[in-house]
Amino acid sequence: MSELILTDAESVTLHAVPLDQTVQIQLAENPTTGYRWALEVSDPGAVELMDTSWQIAPDAAIGGGGMRIFKLRMRGKGPIRLDFKLGRSWQGESAVIERRQFSLEGVAEGTGLPKEEP
């Protein structure tokens, strides 16, 4: 099972993710500004945060921007909402300058999104 990689462009749709699959969410960030992405999960038991890391962009100078990478594993069926906020944690909600939201639906491997009941 390959890792699902999501970026800003995929933040507007519901994604079917097989249970136990790893999901990587990549968001542009420049931590030298003090602004960093923070994650809030609607159902913390349904998704496991495995790791967060930051990679400098290949063409960036020292102090330049890069990608914040959140690595998660689907544990429950959901739907699960992942809310990301780009801000300065010590300044609180008033310092949030960007928001992203991803929706994940845990499914049995080999199946798509569950069909709606009539």
C-alpha atoms as a PDB file:
ATOM      1  CA  MET A   1       0.000   0.000   0.000  1.00  0.00           C
ATOM      2  CA  SER A   2       1.563   3.292  -1.053  1.00  0.00           C
ATOM      3  CA  GLU A   3       1.558   6.475   0.973  1.00  0.00           C
ATOM      4  CA  LEU A   4      -1.074   9.072   0.048  1.00  0.00           C
ATOM      5  CA  ILE A   5       0.452  12.548  -0.376  1.00  0.00           C
ATOM      6  CA  LEU A   6      -1.841  15.579  -0.118  1.00  0.00           C
ATOM      7  CA  THR A   7      -1.023  19.261  -0.694  1.00  0.00           C
ATOM      8  CA  ASP A   8      -2.957  22.547  -0.663  1.00  0.00           C
ATOM      9  CA  ALA A   9      -4.593  21.612  -3.983  1.00  0.00           C
ATOM     10  CA  GLU A  10      -6.295  18.572  -2.428  1.00  0.00           C
ATOM     11  CA  SER A  11      -7.703  20.349   0.617  1.00  0.00           C
ATOM     12  CA  VAL A  12     -11.211  20.822  -0.770  1.00  0.00           C
ATOM     13  CA  THR A  13     -12.310  17.228  -1.388  1.00  0.00           C
ATOM     14  CA  LEU A  14     -13.113  14.168   0.729  1.00  0.00           C
ATOM     15  CA  HIS A  15     -10.398  11.522   0.400  1.00  0.00           C
ATOM     16  CA  ALA A  16     -11.048   7.783   0.789  1.00  0.00           C
ATOM     17  CA  VAL A  17      -8.106   6.324   2.699  1.00  0.00           C
ATOM     18  CA  PRO A  18      -7.703   2.610   3.445  1.00  0.00           C
ATOM     19  CA  LEU A  19      -7.459   1.855   7.154  1.00  0.00           C
ATOM     20  CA  ASP A  20      -3.830   1.674   8.366  1.00  0.00           C
ATOM     21  CA  GLN A  21      -2.599   3.597   5.307  1.00  0.00           C
ATOM     22  CA  THR A  22      -0.086   6.379   5.832  1.00  0.00           C
ATOM     23  CA  VAL A  23      -1.109   9.871   4.708  1.00  0.00           C
ATOM     24  CA  GLN A  24       1.393  12.671   4.218  1.00  0.00           C
ATOM     25  CA  ILE A  25       0.165  16.269   4.180  1.00  0.00           C
ATOM     26  CA  GLN A  26       2.602  18.867   2.837  1.00  0.00           C
ATOM     27  CA  LEU A  27       2.089  22.590   3.475  1.00  0.00           C
ATOM     28  CA  ALA A  28       4.390  25.493   2.568  1.00  0.00           C
ATOM     29  CA  GLU A  29       6.011  27.058   5.632  1.00  0.00           C
ATOM     30  CA  ASN A  30       8.865  29.369   6.573  1.00  0.00           C
ATOM     31  CA  PRO A  31       9.526  28.753  10.278  1.00  0.00           C
ATOM     32  CA  THR A  32      12.090  31.564  10.538  1.00  0.00           C
ATOM     33  CA  THR A  33       9.125  33.989  10.446  1.00  0.00           C
ATOM     34  CA  GLY A  34       7.676  32.364  13.564  1.00  0.00           C
ATOM     35  CA  TYR A  35       4.632  31.164  11.617  1.00  0.00           C
ATOM     36  CA  ARG A  36       4.162  27.408  11.808  1.00  0.00           C
ATOM     37  CA  TRP A  37       1.396  25.001  10.936  1.00  0.00           C
ATOM     38  CA  ALA A  38      -0.541  23.465  13.838  1.00  0.00           C
ATOM     39  CA  LEU A  39      -2.955  20.546  13.496  1.00  0.00           C
ATOM     40  CA  GLU A  40      -6.306  19.945  15.185  1.00  0.00           C
ATOM     41  CA  VAL A  41      -8.123  16.649  14.516  1.00  0.00           C
ATOM     42  CA  SER A  42     -11.913  16.265  14.819  1.00  0.00           C
ATOM     43  CA  ASP A  43     -11.568  12.658  16.068  1.00  0.00           C
ATOM     44  CA  PRO A  44      -8.092  12.062  17.542  1.00  0.00           C
ATOM     45  CA  GLY A  45      -8.749   8.322  17.946  1.00  0.00           C
ATOM     46  CA  ALA A  46      -9.377   7.868  14.216  1.00  0.00           C
ATOM     47  CA  VAL A  47      -6.009   9.136  13.021  1.00  0.00           C
ATOM     48  CA  GLU A  48      -2.527   8.757  14.494  1.00  0.00           C
ATOM     49  CA  LEU A  49       0.047  11.535  14.105  1.00  0.00           C
ATOM     50  CA  MET A  50       3.236   9.600  13.427  1.00  0.00           C
ATOM     51  CA  ASP A  51       5.663  12.423  12.671  1.00  0.00           C
ATOM     52  CA  THR A  52       6.084  16.060  11.681  1.00  0.00           C
ATOM     53  CA  SER A  53       9.119  17.370   9.872  1.00  0.00           C
ATOM     54  CA  TRP A  54      10.251  20.324   7.828  1.00  0.00           C
ATOM     55  CA  GLN A  55      12.243  20.311   4.592  1.00  0.00           C
ATOM     56  CA  ILE A  56      13.884  23.359   3.092  1.00  0.00           C
ATOM     57  CA  ALA A  57      12.993  24.054  -0.532  1.00  0.00           C
ATOM     58  CA  PRO A  58      15.769  22.918  -2.907  1.00  0.00           C
ATOM     59  CA  ASP A  59      16.350  26.461  -4.225  1.00  0.00           C
ATOM     60  CA  ALA A  60      15.954  28.298  -0.892  1.00  0.00           C
ATOM     61  CA  ALA A  61      18.736  30.264   0.768  1.00  0.00           C
ATOM     62  CA  ILE A  62      19.448  30.045   4.491  1.00  0.00           C
ATOM     63  CA  GLY A  63      16.322  31.193   6.314  1.00  0.00           C
ATOM     64  CA  GLY A  64      14.189  30.427   3.258  1.00  0.00           C
ATOM     65  CA  GLY A  65      10.920  28.590   3.030  1.00  0.00           C
ATOM     66  CA  GLY A  66      10.127  24.947   2.594  1.00  0.00           C
ATOM     67  CA  MET A  67       7.511  22.315   3.412  1.00  0.00           C
ATOM     68  CA  ARG A  68       6.015  21.259   6.727  1.00  0.00           C
ATOM     69  CA  ILE A  69       5.198  17.549   6.451  1.00  0.00           C
ATOM     70  CA  PHE A  70       2.642  15.836   8.674  1.00  0.00           C
ATOM     71  CA  LYS A  71       2.695  12.035   8.541  1.00  0.00           C
ATOM     72  CA  LEU A  72      -0.495  10.351   9.767  1.00  0.00           C
ATOM     73  CA  ARG A  73      -1.975   6.854   9.819  1.00  0.00           C
ATOM     74  CA  MET A  74      -5.699   6.161   9.354  1.00  0.00           C
ATOM     75  CA  ARG A  75      -7.050   4.220  12.345  1.00  0.00           C
ATOM     76  CA  GLY A  76     -10.822   4.821  12.156  1.00  0.00           C
ATOM     77  CA  LYS A  77     -13.576   5.211   9.607  1.00  0.00           C
ATOM     78  CA  GLY A  78     -14.468   8.843  10.117  1.00  0.00           C
ATOM     79  CA  PRO A  79     -15.198  11.070   8.391  1.00  0.00           C
ATOM     80  CA  ILE A  80     -12.275  12.870   9.982  1.00  0.00           C
ATOM     81  CA  ARG A  81     -11.574  16.574   9.617  1.00  0.00           C
ATOM     82  CA  LEU A  82      -8.004  17.819   9.845  1.00  0.00           C
ATOM     83  CA  ASP A  83      -7.805  21.544  10.570  1.00  0.00           C
ATOM     84  CA  PHE A  84      -4.456  23.227   9.983  1.00  0.00           C
ATOM     85  CA  LYS A  85      -3.672  26.751  11.173  1.00  0.00           C
ATOM     86  CA  LEU A  86      -0.609  28.771  10.196  1.00  0.00           C
ATOM     87  CA  GLY A  87       0.201  31.110  13.032  1.00  0.00           C
ATOM     88  CA  ARG A  88       2.448  32.052  15.907  1.00  0.00           C
ATOM     89  CA  SER A  89       1.488  29.800  18.800  1.00  0.00           C
ATOM     90  CA  TRP A  90       2.454  32.308  21.488  1.00  0.00           C
ATOM     91  CA  GLN A  91       0.105  34.934  20.001  1.00  0.00           C
ATOM     92  CA  GLY A  92      -2.996  32.745  19.955  1.00  0.00           C
ATOM     93  CA  GLU A  93      -5.872  32.689  17.492  1.00  0.00           C
ATOM     94  CA  SER A  94      -5.400  36.344  16.483  1.00  0.00           C
ATOM     95  CA  ALA A  95      -2.056  35.448  14.855  1.00  0.00           C
ATOM     96  CA  VAL A  96      -3.504  32.799  12.498  1.00  0.00           C
ATOM     97  CA  ILE A  97      -2.912  33.993   8.931  1.00  0.00           C
ATOM     98  CA  GLU A  98      -3.930  30.883   6.931  1.00  0.00           C
ATOM     99  CA  ARG A  99      -6.162  27.858   7.390  1.00  0.00           C
ATOM    100  CA  ARG A 100      -6.427  24.573   5.514  1.00  0.00           C
ATOM    101  CA  GLN A 101      -8.908  21.762   6.018  1.00  0.00           C
ATOM    102  CA  PHE A 102      -8.626  18.183   4.804  1.00  0.00           C
ATOM    103  CA  SER A 103     -11.361  15.539   5.102  1.00  0.00           C
ATOM    104  CA  LEU A 104     -10.536  11.844   5.249  1.00  0.00           C
ATOM    105  CA  GLU A 105     -12.847   8.833   5.230  1.00  0.00           C
ATOM    106  CA  GLY A 106     -11.366   5.542   6.426  1.00  0.00           C
ATOM    107  CA  VAL A 107     -12.408   2.630   4.197  1.00  0.00           C
ATOM    108  CA  ALA A 108     -11.578  -1.059   3.911  1.00  0.00           C
ATOM    109  CA  GLU A 109      -8.680  -1.567   1.508  1.00  0.00           C
ATOM    110  CA  GLY A 110      -9.825  -1.890  -2.116  1.00  0.00           C
ATOM    111  CA  THR A 111     -13.061   0.037  -1.616  1.00  0.00           C
ATOM    112  CA  GLY A 112     -14.019   3.622  -2.340  1.00  0.00           C
ATOM    113  CA  LEU A 113     -16.055   6.101  -0.342  1.00  0.00           C
ATOM    114  CA  PRO A 114     -19.099   4.534   1.335  1.00  0.00           C
ATOM    115  CA  LYS A 115     -22.344   4.913  -0.607  1.00  0.00           C
ATOM    116  CA  GLU A 116     -24.960   7.211   0.882  1.00  0.00           C
ATOM    117  CA  GLU A 117     -28.047   5.543   2.315  1.00  0.00           C
ATOM    118  CA  PRO A 118     -31.282   6.274   0.345  1.00  0.00           C
END
